Amino acid sequence: MLSFEEFKSLEGVFDMITCFNVLSAIPCEQTIDITLAKFKRLIRDDGRLVVVNQHRNSYFKTFKEGAEHLYGHISSKGSYHTYYGIMDRETVSRLLRQKGFEVINSWNEGERNFVIGN
C-alpha cells in the first residue's frame, strides 16, 4: 500500500496493479484522472489493472444523508468530513476506457464489482 505522494513518484513497469476500494474513496475527479493515467503509464503493454469496488452495503445508506458529490456523498460530523463513493462496474469501465485502457472483463460478485483492464 502506498500513500498518494509515494504513488505519484513511483516509477517502473508492472505486470499487474491491483486497486481495491481506492477509486471510490477519492472525492476529486482530477485525482481519479491522475491516478488512472499513472496506472496506464505503469502497466506493461500486456499487463493488467484489477480494480475492485464495493458497490452495495447496508452501511452505505447512512452516507446518503450527506451532500451528493461526484460518485457518492460527503457526510459531516462536526469538523470531520467523510466521502464515500459508490462506483459500479459500468462507471469504472467507462473511466478506464477514457484513460486508454481496454476493458478485458468485468463482473459483479455479491456486493463487489471487478474490472480488469490492460
PDB file of N, CA and C in Angstrom:
ATOM      1  N   MET A   1       0.847  -1.162   0.000  1.00  0.00           N
ATOM      2  CA  MET A   1       0.000   0.000   0.000  1.00  0.00           C
ATOM      3  C   MET A   1       0.902   1.237   0.000  1.00  0.00           C
ATOM      4  N   LEU A   2       0.511   2.218  -0.824  1.00  0.00           N
ATOM      5  CA  LEU A   2       1.287   3.452  -0.950  1.00  0.00           C
ATOM      6  C   LEU A   2       0.430   4.662  -0.629  1.00  0.00           C
ATOM      7  N   SER A   3       1.038   5.683  -0.078  1.00  0.00           N
ATOM      8  CA  SER A   3       0.339   6.965   0.046  1.00  0.00           C
ATOM      9  C   SER A   3       0.252   7.571  -1.353  1.00  0.00           C
ATOM     10  N   PHE A   4      -0.598   8.561  -1.526  1.00  0.00           N
ATOM     11  CA  PHE A   4      -0.730   9.199  -2.838  1.00  0.00           C
ATOM     12  C   PHE A   4       0.587   9.854  -3.249  1.00  0.00           C
ATOM     13  N   GLU A   5       1.293  10.439  -2.307  1.00  0.00           N
ATOM     14  CA  GLU A   5       2.573  11.081  -2.603  1.00  0.00           C
ATOM     15  C   GLU A   5       3.593  10.054  -3.086  1.00  0.00           C
ATOM     16  N   GLU A   6       3.648   8.896  -2.424  1.00  0.00           N
ATOM     17  CA  GLU A   6       4.548   7.822  -2.856  1.00  0.00           C
ATOM     18  C   GLU A   6       4.136   7.299  -4.229  1.00  0.00           C
ATOM     19  N   PHE A   7       2.850   7.157  -4.417  1.00  0.00           N
ATOM     20  CA  PHE A   7       2.326   6.659  -5.685  1.00  0.00           C
ATOM     21  C   PHE A   7       2.691   7.593  -6.837  1.00  0.00           C
ATOM     22  N   LYS A   8       2.534   8.910  -6.627  1.00  0.00           N
ATOM     23  CA  LYS A   8       2.823   9.874  -7.693  1.00  0.00           C
ATOM     24  C   LYS A   8       4.282   9.809  -8.140  1.00  0.00           C
ATOM     25  N   SER A   9       5.191   9.475  -7.219  1.00  0.00           N
ATOM     26  CA  SER A   9       6.608   9.429  -7.578  1.00  0.00           C
ATOM     27  C   SER A   9       7.061   8.027  -7.992  1.00  0.00           C
ATOM     28  N   LEU A  10       6.181   7.064  -7.980  1.00  0.00           N
ATOM     29  CA  LEU A  10       6.515   5.686  -8.337  1.00  0.00           C
ATOM     30  C   LEU A  10       6.907   5.589  -9.798  1.00  0.00           C
ATOM     31  N   GLU A  11       7.965   4.865 -10.066  1.00  0.00           N
ATOM     32  CA  GLU A  11       8.431   4.623 -11.435  1.00  0.00           C
ATOM     33  C   GLU A  11       8.569   3.126 -11.635  1.00  0.00           C
ATOM     34  N   GLY A  12       8.649   2.722 -12.878  1.00  0.00           N
ATOM     35  CA  GLY A  12       8.833   1.315 -13.197  1.00  0.00           C
ATOM     36  C   GLY A  12       7.747   0.842 -14.133  1.00  0.00           C
ATOM     37  N   VAL A  13       7.784  -0.450 -14.400  1.00  0.00           N
ATOM     38  CA  VAL A  13       6.789  -1.079 -15.256  1.00  0.00           C
ATOM     39  C   VAL A  13       6.350  -2.353 -14.551  1.00  0.00           C
ATOM     40  N   PHE A  14       5.043  -2.559 -14.485  1.00  0.00           N
ATOM     41  CA  PHE A  14       4.495  -3.663 -13.698  1.00  0.00           C
ATOM     42  C   PHE A  14       3.626  -4.577 -14.557  1.00  0.00           C
ATOM     43  N   ASP A  15       3.649  -5.860 -14.204  1.00  0.00           N
ATOM     44  CA  ASP A  15       2.786  -6.839 -14.869  1.00  0.00           C
ATOM     45  C   ASP A  15       1.340  -6.678 -14.421  1.00  0.00           C
ATOM     46  N   MET A  16       1.160  -6.344 -13.134  1.00  0.00           N
ATOM     47  CA  MET A  16      -0.192  -6.230 -12.588  1.00  0.00           C
ATOM     48  C   MET A  16      -0.216  -5.165 -11.503  1.00  0.00           C
ATOM     49  N   ILE A  17      -1.287  -4.403 -11.499  1.00  0.00           N
ATOM     50  CA  ILE A  17      -1.563  -3.445 -10.427  1.00  0.00           C
ATOM     51  C   ILE A  17      -2.957  -3.755  -9.920  1.00  0.00           C
ATOM     52  N   THR A  18      -3.104  -3.821  -8.608  1.00  0.00           N
ATOM     53  CA  THR A  18      -4.416  -4.033  -8.006  1.00  0.00           C
ATOM     54  C   THR A  18      -4.842  -2.766  -7.285  1.00  0.00           C
ATOM     55  N   CYS A  19      -6.110  -2.456  -7.406  1.00  0.00           N
ATOM     56  CA  CYS A  19      -6.673  -1.238  -6.825  1.00  0.00           C
ATOM     57  C   CYS A  19      -7.980  -1.626  -6.136  1.00  0.00           C
ATOM     58  N   PHE A  20      -7.923  -1.847  -4.830  1.00  0.00           N
ATOM     59  CA  PHE A  20      -9.069  -2.322  -4.069  1.00  0.00           C
ATOM     60  C   PHE A  20      -9.676  -1.198  -3.232  1.00  0.00           C
ATOM     61  N   ASN A  21     -10.915  -0.843  -3.527  1.00  0.00           N
ATOM     62  CA  ASN A  21     -11.668   0.159  -2.767  1.00  0.00           C
ATOM     63  C   ASN A  21     -10.906   1.476  -2.620  1.00  0.00           C
ATOM     64  N   VAL A  22     -10.212   1.876  -3.676  1.00  0.00           N
ATOM     65  CA  VAL A  22      -9.470   3.131  -3.661  1.00  0.00           C
ATOM     66  C   VAL A  22     -10.204   4.200  -4.464  1.00  0.00           C
ATOM     67  N   LEU A  23     -10.561   3.901  -5.702  1.00  0.00           N
ATOM     68  CA  LEU A  23     -11.201   4.916  -6.556  1.00  0.00           C
ATOM     69  C   LEU A  23     -12.460   5.473  -5.914  1.00  0.00           C
ATOM     70  N   SER A  24     -13.219   4.625  -5.250  1.00  0.00           N
ATOM     71  CA  SER A  24     -14.468   5.072  -4.624  1.00  0.00           C
ATOM     72  C   SER A  24     -14.231   5.938  -3.388  1.00  0.00           C
ATOM     73  N   ALA A  25     -12.987   6.009  -2.933  1.00  0.00           N
ATOM     74  CA  ALA A  25     -12.667   6.832  -1.758  1.00  0.00           C
ATOM     75  C   ALA A  25     -12.035   8.163  -2.130  1.00  0.00           C
ATOM     76  N   ILE A  26     -11.880   8.415  -3.437  1.00  0.00           N
ATOM     77  CA  ILE A  26     -11.254   9.662  -3.889  1.00  0.00           C
ATOM     78  C   ILE A  26     -12.348  10.672  -4.237  1.00  0.00           C
ATOM     79  N   PRO A  27     -12.437  11.782  -3.503  1.00  0.00           N
ATOM     80  CA  PRO A  27     -13.525  12.742  -3.712  1.00  0.00           C
ATOM     81  C   PRO A  27     -13.238  13.814  -4.767  1.00  0.00           C
ATOM     82  N   CYS A  28     -12.184  13.613  -5.571  1.00  0.00           N
ATOM     83  CA  CYS A  28     -11.768  14.632  -6.524  1.00  0.00           C
ATOM     84  C   CYS A  28     -11.582  13.993  -7.899  1.00  0.00           C
ATOM     85  N   GLU A  29     -12.329  14.476  -8.886  1.00  0.00           N
ATOM     86  CA  GLU A  29     -12.258  13.905 -10.228  1.00  0.00           C
ATOM     87  C   GLU A  29     -10.854  14.021 -10.821  1.00  0.00           C
ATOM     88  N   GLN A  30     -10.176  15.135 -10.575  1.00  0.00           N
ATOM     89  CA  GLN A  30      -8.818  15.323 -11.078  1.00  0.00           C
ATOM     90  C   GLN A  30      -7.865  14.271 -10.493  1.00  0.00           C
ATOM     91  N   THR A  31      -8.015  13.954  -9.221  1.00  0.00           N
ATOM     92  CA  THR A  31      -7.166  12.950  -8.588  1.00  0.00           C
ATOM     93  C   THR A  31      -7.459  11.561  -9.140  1.00  0.00           C
ATOM     94  N   ILE A  32      -8.710  11.260  -9.427  1.00  0.00           N
ATOM     95  CA  ILE A  32      -9.056   9.987 -10.069  1.00  0.00           C
ATOM     96  C   ILE A  32      -8.396   9.920 -11.439  1.00  0.00           C
ATOM     97  N   ASP A  33      -8.474  11.004 -12.211  1.00  0.00           N
ATOM     98  CA  ASP A  33      -7.850  11.050 -13.536  1.00  0.00           C
ATOM     99  C   ASP A  33      -6.335  10.848 -13.457  1.00  0.00           C
ATOM    100  N   ILE A  34      -5.700  11.532 -12.516  1.00  0.00           N
ATOM    101  CA  ILE A  34      -4.248  11.408 -12.323  1.00  0.00           C
ATOM    102  C   ILE A  34      -3.889   9.963 -11.966  1.00  0.00           C
ATOM    103  N   THR A  35      -4.674   9.374 -11.088  1.00  0.00           N
ATOM    104  CA  THR A  35      -4.424   8.008 -10.641  1.00  0.00           C
ATOM    105  C   THR A  35      -4.526   7.019 -11.796  1.00  0.00           C
ATOM    106  N   LEU A  36      -5.596   7.126 -12.582  1.00  0.00           N
ATOM    107  CA  LEU A  36      -5.781   6.187 -13.697  1.00  0.00           C
ATOM    108  C   LEU A  36      -4.729   6.396 -14.787  1.00  0.00           C
ATOM    109  N   ALA A  37      -4.374   7.651 -15.054  1.00  0.00           N
ATOM    110  CA  ALA A  37      -3.329   7.923 -16.050  1.00  0.00           C
ATOM    111  C   ALA A  37      -1.989   7.342 -15.591  1.00  0.00           C
ATOM    112  N   LYS A  38      -1.709   7.440 -14.298  1.00  0.00           N
ATOM    113  CA  LYS A  38      -0.472   6.876 -13.753  1.00  0.00           C
ATOM    114  C   LYS A  38      -0.491   5.357 -13.860  1.00  0.00           C
ATOM    115  N   PHE A  39      -1.621   4.731 -13.552  1.00  0.00           N
ATOM    116  CA  PHE A  39      -1.741   3.280 -13.722  1.00  0.00           C
ATOM    117  C   PHE A  39      -1.413   2.896 -15.160  1.00  0.00           C
ATOM    118  N   LYS A  40      -1.945   3.651 -16.112  1.00  0.00           N
ATOM    119  CA  LYS A  40      -1.732   3.339 -17.525  1.00  0.00           C
ATOM    120  C   LYS A  40      -0.246   3.413 -17.879  1.00  0.00           C
ATOM    121  N   ARG A  41       0.459   4.395 -17.333  1.00  0.00           N
ATOM    122  CA  ARG A  41       1.902   4.528 -17.601  1.00  0.00           C
ATOM    123  C   ARG A  41       2.716   3.421 -16.939  1.00  0.00           C
ATOM    124  N   LEU A  42       2.234   2.900 -15.816  1.00  0.00           N
ATOM    125  CA  LEU A  42       2.993   1.914 -15.052  1.00  0.00           C
ATOM    126  C   LEU A  42       2.771   0.473 -15.522  1.00  0.00           C
ATOM    127  N   ILE A  43       1.719   0.222 -16.257  1.00  0.00           N
ATOM    128  CA  ILE A  43       1.371  -1.148 -16.676  1.00  0.00           C
ATOM    129  C   ILE A  43       2.082  -1.496 -17.981  1.00  0.00           C
ATOM    130  N   ARG A  44       2.646  -2.684 -18.031  1.00  0.00           N
ATOM    131  CA  ARG A  44       3.213  -3.186 -19.292  1.00  0.00           C
ATOM    132  C   ARG A  44       2.121  -3.245 -20.356  1.00  0.00           C
ATOM    133  N   ASP A  45       2.512  -3.265 -21.603  1.00  0.00           N
ATOM    134  CA  ASP A  45       1.529  -3.350 -22.690  1.00  0.00           C
ATOM    135  C   ASP A  45       0.626  -4.566 -22.552  1.00  0.00           C
ATOM    136  N   ASP A  46       1.168  -5.654 -22.040  1.00  0.00           N
ATOM    137  CA  ASP A  46       0.360  -6.867 -21.858  1.00  0.00           C
ATOM    138  C   ASP A  46       0.000  -7.079 -20.382  1.00  0.00           C
ATOM    139  N   GLY A  47       0.144  -6.040 -19.564  1.00  0.00           N
ATOM    140  CA  GLY A  47      -0.145  -6.133 -18.135  1.00  0.00           C
ATOM    141  C   GLY A  47      -1.623  -5.997 -17.828  1.00  0.00           C
ATOM    142  N   ARG A  48      -1.940  -6.050 -16.552  1.00  0.00           N
ATOM    143  CA  ARG A  48      -3.333  -5.985 -16.114  1.00  0.00           C
ATOM    144  C   ARG A  48      -3.490  -5.014 -14.946  1.00  0.00           C
ATOM    145  N   LEU A  49      -4.588  -4.274 -15.007  1.00  0.00           N
ATOM    146  CA  LEU A  49      -5.034  -3.468 -13.874  1.00  0.00           C
ATOM    147  C   LEU A  49      -6.309  -4.125 -13.363  1.00  0.00           C
ATOM    148  N   VAL A  50      -6.333  -4.464 -12.092  1.00  0.00           N
ATOM    149  CA  VAL A  50      -7.503  -5.078 -11.476  1.00  0.00           C
ATOM    150  C   VAL A  50      -8.089  -4.068 -10.490  1.00  0.00           C
ATOM    151  N   VAL A  51      -9.304  -3.616 -10.781  1.00  0.00           N
ATOM    152  CA  VAL A  51      -9.982  -2.634  -9.933  1.00  0.00           C
ATOM    153  C   VAL A  51     -11.181  -3.310  -9.277  1.00  0.00           C
ATOM    154  N   VAL A  52     -11.254  -3.213  -7.963  1.00  0.00           N
ATOM    155  CA  VAL A  52     -12.354  -3.801  -7.205  1.00  0.00           C
ATOM    156  C   VAL A  52     -12.979  -2.703  -6.356  1.00  0.00           C
ATOM    157  N   ASN A  53     -14.303  -2.629  -6.395  1.00  0.00           N
ATOM    158  CA  ASN A  53     -15.029  -1.661  -5.574  1.00  0.00           C
ATOM    159  C   ASN A  53     -16.236  -2.332  -4.946  1.00  0.00           C
ATOM    160  N   GLN A  54     -16.547  -1.910  -3.754  1.00  0.00           N
ATOM    161  CA  GLN A  54     -17.783  -2.348  -3.120  1.00  0.00           C
ATOM    162  C   GLN A  54     -18.858  -1.380  -3.563  1.00  0.00           C
ATOM    163  N   HIS A  55     -19.923  -1.897  -4.175  1.00  0.00           N
ATOM    164  CA  HIS A  55     -20.959  -1.013  -4.708  1.00  0.00           C
ATOM    165  C   HIS A  55     -22.287  -1.134  -3.976  1.00  0.00           C
ATOM    166  N   ARG A  56     -22.345  -2.023  -2.993  1.00  0.00           N
ATOM    167  CA  ARG A  56     -23.600  -2.200  -2.261  1.00  0.00           C
ATOM    168  C   ARG A  56     -23.271  -2.663  -0.847  1.00  0.00           C
ATOM    169  N   ASN A  57     -23.977  -2.063   0.115  1.00  0.00           N
ATOM    170  CA  ASN A  57     -23.782  -2.421   1.510  1.00  0.00           C
ATOM    171  C   ASN A  57     -24.820  -1.640   2.307  1.00  0.00           C
ATOM    172  N   SER A  58     -25.427  -2.251   3.289  1.00  0.00           N
ATOM    173  CA  SER A  58     -26.443  -1.550   4.076  1.00  0.00           C
ATOM    174  C   SER A  58     -25.857  -0.331   4.789  1.00  0.00           C
ATOM    175  N   TYR A  59     -24.564  -0.344   5.066  1.00  0.00           N
ATOM    176  CA  TYR A  59     -23.886   0.768   5.718  1.00  0.00           C
ATOM    177  C   TYR A  59     -23.898   2.021   4.840  1.00  0.00           C
ATOM    178  N   PHE A  60     -23.943   1.846   3.511  1.00  0.00           N
ATOM    179  CA  PHE A  60     -23.931   2.978   2.582  1.00  0.00           C
ATOM    180  C   PHE A  60     -25.141   3.889   2.772  1.00  0.00           C
ATOM    181  N   LYS A  61     -26.240   3.340   3.265  1.00  0.00           N
ATOM    182  CA  LYS A  61     -27.460   4.139   3.434  1.00  0.00           C
ATOM    183  C   LYS A  61     -27.236   5.334   4.353  1.00  0.00           C
ATOM    184  N   THR A  62     -26.369   5.176   5.345  1.00  0.00           N
ATOM    185  CA  THR A  62     -26.119   6.287   6.263  1.00  0.00           C
ATOM    186  C   THR A  62     -25.385   7.426   5.561  1.00  0.00           C
ATOM    187  N   PHE A  63     -24.579   7.113   4.548  1.00  0.00           N
ATOM    188  CA  PHE A  63     -23.852   8.148   3.824  1.00  0.00           C
ATOM    189  C   PHE A  63     -24.757   8.948   2.905  1.00  0.00           C
ATOM    190  N   LYS A  64     -25.881   8.381   2.479  1.00  0.00           N
ATOM    191  CA  LYS A  64     -26.786   9.076   1.569  1.00  0.00           C
ATOM    192  C   LYS A  64     -27.446  10.284   2.226  1.00  0.00           C
ATOM    193  N   GLU A  65     -27.318  10.404   3.532  1.00  0.00           N
ATOM    194  CA  GLU A  65     -27.842  11.563   4.237  1.00  0.00           C
ATOM    195  C   GLU A  65     -26.970  12.790   3.995  1.00  0.00           C
ATOM    196  N   GLY A  66     -25.738  12.567   3.533  1.00  0.00           N
ATOM    197  CA  GLY A  66     -24.810  13.666   3.281  1.00  0.00           C
ATOM    198  C   GLY A  66     -25.071  14.325   1.939  1.00  0.00           C
ATOM    199  N   ALA A  67     -24.278  15.323   1.643  1.00  0.00           N
ATOM    200  CA  ALA A  67     -24.402  16.079   0.392  1.00  0.00           C
ATOM    201  C   ALA A  67     -23.894  15.242  -0.784  1.00  0.00           C
ATOM    202  N   GLU A  68     -24.656  15.215  -1.867  1.00  0.00           N
ATOM    203  CA  GLU A  68     -24.221  14.491  -3.059  1.00  0.00           C
ATOM    204  C   GLU A  68     -22.949  15.120  -3.604  1.00  0.00           C
ATOM    205  N   HIS A  69     -22.014  14.245  -4.001  1.00  0.00           N
ATOM    206  CA  HIS A  69     -20.751  14.722  -4.558  1.00  0.00           C
ATOM    207  C   HIS A  69     -20.149  13.629  -5.433  1.00  0.00           C
ATOM    208  N   LEU A  70     -19.782  13.972  -6.638  1.00  0.00           N
ATOM    209  CA  LEU A  70     -19.115  13.088  -7.586  1.00  0.00           C
ATOM    210  C   LEU A  70     -19.865  11.765  -7.712  1.00  0.00           C
ATOM    211  N   TYR A  71     -19.335  10.674  -7.176  1.00  0.00           N
ATOM    212  CA  TYR A  71     -19.966   9.358  -7.293  1.00  0.00           C
ATOM    213  C   TYR A  71     -20.673   8.927  -6.012  1.00  0.00           C
ATOM    214  N   GLY A  72     -20.769   9.815  -5.047  1.00  0.00           N
ATOM    215  CA  GLY A  72     -21.363   9.424  -3.777  1.00  0.00           C
ATOM    216  C   GLY A  72     -21.813  10.609  -2.962  1.00  0.00           C
ATOM    217  N   HIS A  73     -21.433  10.616  -1.696  1.00  0.00           N
ATOM    218  CA  HIS A  73     -21.882  11.633  -0.752  1.00  0.00           C
ATOM    219  C   HIS A  73     -20.759  12.008   0.213  1.00  0.00           C
ATOM    220  N   ILE A  74     -20.826  13.250   0.667  1.00  0.00           N
ATOM    221  CA  ILE A  74     -19.936  13.710   1.727  1.00  0.00           C
ATOM    222  C   ILE A  74     -20.778  13.859   2.980  1.00  0.00           C
ATOM    223  N   SER A  75     -20.375  13.164   4.010  1.00  0.00           N
ATOM    224  CA  SER A  75     -21.068  13.249   5.289  1.00  0.00           C
ATOM    225  C   SER A  75     -20.210  14.062   6.251  1.00  0.00           C
ATOM    226  N   SER A  76     -20.877  14.837   7.079  1.00  0.00           N
ATOM    227  CA  SER A  76     -20.161  15.672   8.042  1.00  0.00           C
ATOM    228  C   SER A  76     -20.644  15.376   9.444  1.00  0.00           C
ATOM    229  N   LYS A  77     -19.696  15.353  10.344  1.00  0.00           N
ATOM    230  CA  LYS A  77     -19.994  15.204  11.768  1.00  0.00           C
ATOM    231  C   LYS A  77     -19.061  16.148  12.491  1.00  0.00           C
ATOM    232  N   GLY A  78     -19.564  17.313  12.855  1.00  0.00           N
ATOM    233  CA  GLY A  78     -18.716  18.335  13.447  1.00  0.00           C
ATOM    234  C   GLY A  78     -17.733  18.837  12.401  1.00  0.00           C
ATOM    235  N   SER A  79     -16.462  18.807  12.723  1.00  0.00           N
ATOM    236  CA  SER A  79     -15.442  19.257  11.772  1.00  0.00           C
ATOM    237  C   SER A  79     -14.876  18.093  10.954  1.00  0.00           C
ATOM    238  N   TYR A  80     -15.434  16.908  11.115  1.00  0.00           N
ATOM    239  CA  TYR A  80     -14.973  15.708  10.430  1.00  0.00           C
ATOM    240  C   TYR A  80     -15.842  15.450   9.204  1.00  0.00           C
ATOM    241  N   HIS A  81     -15.212  15.286   8.042  1.00  0.00           N
ATOM    242  CA  HIS A  81     -15.939  15.054   6.795  1.00  0.00           C
ATOM    243  C   HIS A  81     -15.473  13.748   6.172  1.00  0.00           C
ATOM    244  N   THR A  82     -16.413  12.990   5.638  1.00  0.00           N
ATOM    245  CA  THR A  82     -16.117  11.697   5.029  1.00  0.00           C
ATOM    246  C   THR A  82     -16.769  11.621   3.659  1.00  0.00           C
ATOM    247  N   TYR A  83     -16.001  11.164   2.677  1.00  0.00           N
ATOM    248  CA  TYR A  83     -16.551  10.934   1.332  1.00  0.00           C
ATOM    249  C   TYR A  83     -16.658   9.441   1.111  1.00  0.00           C
ATOM    250  N   TYR A  84     -17.775   9.029   0.570  1.00  0.00           N
ATOM    251  CA  TYR A  84     -17.946   7.624   0.202  1.00  0.00           C
ATOM    252  C   TYR A  84     -18.607   7.566  -1.158  1.00  0.00           C
ATOM    253  N   GLY A  85     -17.871   7.083  -2.135  1.00  0.00           N
ATOM    254  CA  GLY A  85     -18.395   6.957  -3.487  1.00  0.00           C
ATOM    255  C   GLY A  85     -18.901   5.553  -3.746  1.00  0.00           C
ATOM    256  N   ILE A  86     -19.915   5.452  -4.573  1.00  0.00           N
ATOM    257  CA  ILE A  86     -20.453   4.167  -4.992  1.00  0.00           C
ATOM    258  C   ILE A  86     -20.165   4.046  -6.482  1.00  0.00           C
ATOM    259  N   MET A  87     -19.184   3.240  -6.824  1.00  0.00           N
ATOM    260  CA  MET A  87     -18.781   3.093  -8.222  1.00  0.00           C
ATOM    261  C   MET A  87     -19.144   1.694  -8.699  1.00  0.00           C
ATOM    262  N   ASP A  88     -20.096   1.629  -9.626  1.00  0.00           N
ATOM    263  CA  ASP A  88     -20.460   0.334 -10.180  1.00  0.00           C
ATOM    264  C   ASP A  88     -19.499  -0.027 -11.303  1.00  0.00           C
ATOM    265  N   ARG A  89     -19.616  -1.232 -11.808  1.00  0.00           N
ATOM    266  CA  ARG A  89     -18.646  -1.699 -12.809  1.00  0.00           C
ATOM    267  C   ARG A  89     -18.743  -0.929 -14.117  1.00  0.00           C
ATOM    268  N   GLU A  90     -19.929  -0.419 -14.459  1.00  0.00           N
ATOM    269  CA  GLU A  90     -20.065   0.381 -15.671  1.00  0.00           C
ATOM    270  C   GLU A  90     -19.309   1.697 -15.542  1.00  0.00           C
ATOM    271  N   THR A  91     -19.382   2.315 -14.380  1.00  0.00           N
ATOM    272  CA  THR A  91     -18.670   3.568 -14.129  1.00  0.00           C
ATOM    273  C   THR A  91     -17.159   3.342 -14.196  1.00  0.00           C
ATOM    274  N   VAL A  92     -16.688   2.296 -13.539  1.00  0.00           N
ATOM    275  CA  VAL A  92     -15.252   2.004 -13.547  1.00  0.00           C
ATOM    276  C   VAL A  92     -14.789   1.670 -14.964  1.00  0.00           C
ATOM    277  N   SER A  93     -15.567   0.876 -15.678  1.00  0.00           N
ATOM    278  CA  SER A  93     -15.217   0.528 -17.065  1.00  0.00           C
ATOM    279  C   SER A  93     -15.115   1.771 -17.937  1.00  0.00           C
ATOM    280  N   ARG A  94     -16.054   2.679 -17.779  1.00  0.00           N
ATOM    281  CA  ARG A  94     -16.051   3.922 -18.558  1.00  0.00           C
ATOM    282  C   ARG A  94     -14.814   4.760 -18.231  1.00  0.00           C
ATOM    283  N   LEU A  95     -14.490   4.881 -16.955  1.00  0.00           N
ATOM    284  CA  LEU A  95     -13.315   5.649 -16.543  1.00  0.00           C
ATOM    285  C   LEU A  95     -12.033   5.033 -17.110  1.00  0.00           C
ATOM    286  N   LEU A  96     -11.934   3.719 -17.081  1.00  0.00           N
ATOM    287  CA  LEU A  96     -10.743   3.061 -17.620  1.00  0.00           C
ATOM    288  C   LEU A  96     -10.627   3.307 -19.125  1.00  0.00           C
ATOM    289  N   ARG A  97     -11.732   3.171 -19.838  1.00  0.00           N
ATOM    290  CA  ARG A  97     -11.697   3.407 -21.289  1.00  0.00           C
ATOM    291  C   ARG A  97     -11.285   4.842 -21.613  1.00  0.00           C
ATOM    292  N   GLN A  98     -11.756   5.798 -20.806  1.00  0.00           N
ATOM    293  CA  GLN A  98     -11.396   7.199 -21.026  1.00  0.00           C
ATOM    294  C   GLN A  98      -9.891   7.418 -20.880  1.00  0.00           C
ATOM    295  N   LYS A  99      -9.224   6.585 -20.113  1.00  0.00           N
ATOM    296  CA  LYS A  99      -7.774   6.715 -19.912  1.00  0.00           C
ATOM    297  C   LYS A  99      -6.985   5.783 -20.823  1.00  0.00           C
ATOM    298  N   GLY A 100      -7.651   5.180 -21.810  1.00  0.00           N
ATOM    299  CA  GLY A 100      -6.946   4.379 -22.806  1.00  0.00           C
ATOM    300  C   GLY A 100      -6.821   2.903 -22.498  1.00  0.00           C
ATOM    301  N   PHE A 101      -7.468   2.442 -21.444  1.00  0.00           N
ATOM    302  CA  PHE A 101      -7.452   1.020 -21.135  1.00  0.00           C
ATOM    303  C   PHE A 101      -8.469   0.284 -22.005  1.00  0.00           C
ATOM    304  N   GLU A 102      -8.151  -0.938 -22.321  1.00  0.00           N
ATOM    305  CA  GLU A 102      -9.128  -1.858 -22.893  1.00  0.00           C
ATOM    306  C   GLU A 102      -9.692  -2.631 -21.712  1.00  0.00           C
ATOM    307  N   VAL A 103     -11.010  -2.661 -21.573  1.00  0.00           N
ATOM    308  CA  VAL A 103     -11.624  -3.440 -20.508  1.00  0.00           C
ATOM    309  C   VAL A 103     -11.725  -4.883 -20.994  1.00  0.00           C
ATOM    310  N   ILE A 104     -11.006  -5.759 -20.329  1.00  0.00           N
ATOM    311  CA  ILE A 104     -10.931  -7.165 -20.721  1.00  0.00           C
ATOM    312  C   ILE A 104     -12.092  -7.952 -20.148  1.00  0.00           C
ATOM    313  N   ASN A 105     -12.466  -7.625 -18.912  1.00  0.00           N
ATOM    314  CA  ASN A 105     -13.553  -8.342 -18.257  1.00  0.00           C
ATOM    315  C   ASN A 105     -14.084  -7.485 -17.119  1.00  0.00           C
ATOM    316  N   SER A 106     -15.355  -7.672 -16.814  1.00  0.00           N
ATOM    317  CA  SER A 106     -15.946  -7.017 -15.648  1.00  0.00           C
ATOM    318  C   SER A 106     -17.115  -7.867 -15.173  1.00  0.00           C
ATOM    319  N   TRP A 107     -17.309  -7.893 -13.864  1.00  0.00           N
ATOM    320  CA  TRP A 107     -18.412  -8.667 -13.307  1.00  0.00           C
ATOM    321  C   TRP A 107     -18.697  -8.200 -11.886  1.00  0.00           C
ATOM    322  N   ASN A 108     -19.870  -8.581 -11.412  1.00  0.00           N
ATOM    323  CA  ASN A 108     -20.270  -8.347 -10.026  1.00  0.00           C
ATOM    324  C   ASN A 108     -20.218  -9.671  -9.292  1.00  0.00           C
ATOM    325  N   GLU A 109     -19.791  -9.604  -8.061  1.00  0.00           N
ATOM    326  CA  GLU A 109     -19.814 -10.772  -7.194  1.00  0.00           C
ATOM    327  C   GLU A 109     -20.269 -10.289  -5.830  1.00  0.00           C
ATOM    328  N   GLY A 110     -21.495 -10.609  -5.498  1.00  0.00           N
ATOM    329  CA  GLY A 110     -22.057 -10.126  -4.241  1.00  0.00           C
ATOM    330  C   GLY A 110     -22.110  -8.606  -4.236  1.00  0.00           C
ATOM    331  N   GLU A 111     -21.520  -7.989  -3.239  1.00  0.00           N
ATOM    332  CA  GLU A 111     -21.553  -6.533  -3.082  1.00  0.00           C
ATOM    333  C   GLU A 111     -20.361  -5.841  -3.740  1.00  0.00           C
ATOM    334  N   ARG A 112     -19.543  -6.600  -4.461  1.00  0.00           N
ATOM    335  CA  ARG A 112     -18.346  -6.038  -5.081  1.00  0.00           C
ATOM    336  C   ARG A 112     -18.405  -6.160  -6.594  1.00  0.00           C
ATOM    337  N   ASN A 113     -17.701  -5.241  -7.257  1.00  0.00           N
ATOM    338  CA  ASN A 113     -17.545  -5.375  -8.698  1.00  0.00           C
ATOM    339  C   ASN A 113     -16.055  -5.406  -9.017  1.00  0.00           C
ATOM    340  N   PHE A 114     -15.765  -6.093 -10.098  1.00  0.00           N
ATOM    341  CA  PHE A 114     -14.391  -6.316 -10.538  1.00  0.00           C
ATOM    342  C   PHE A 114     -14.290  -5.854 -11.980  1.00  0.00           C
ATOM    343  N   VAL A 115     -13.248  -5.096 -12.287  1.00  0.00           N
ATOM    344  CA  VAL A 115     -12.988  -4.668 -13.655  1.00  0.00           C
ATOM    345  C   VAL A 115     -11.507  -4.907 -13.920  1.00  0.00           C
ATOM    346  N   ILE A 116     -11.225  -5.602 -15.016  1.00  0.00           N
ATOM    347  CA  ILE A 116      -9.849  -5.891 -15.396  1.00  0.00           C
ATOM    348  C   ILE A 116      -9.576  -5.170 -16.713  1.00  0.00           C
ATOM    349  N   GLY A 117      -8.531  -4.368 -16.697  1.00  0.00           N
ATOM    350  CA  GLY A 117      -8.156  -3.619 -17.884  1.00  0.00           C
ATOM    351  C   GLY A 117      -6.709  -3.847 -18.252  1.00  0.00           C
ATOM    352  N   ASN A 118      -6.376  -3.461 -19.478  1.00  0.00           N
ATOM    353  CA  ASN A 118      -4.981  -3.528 -19.918  1.00  0.00           C
ATOM    354  C   ASN A 118      -4.686  -2.356 -20.823  1.00  0.00           C
TER     355      ASN A 118
END
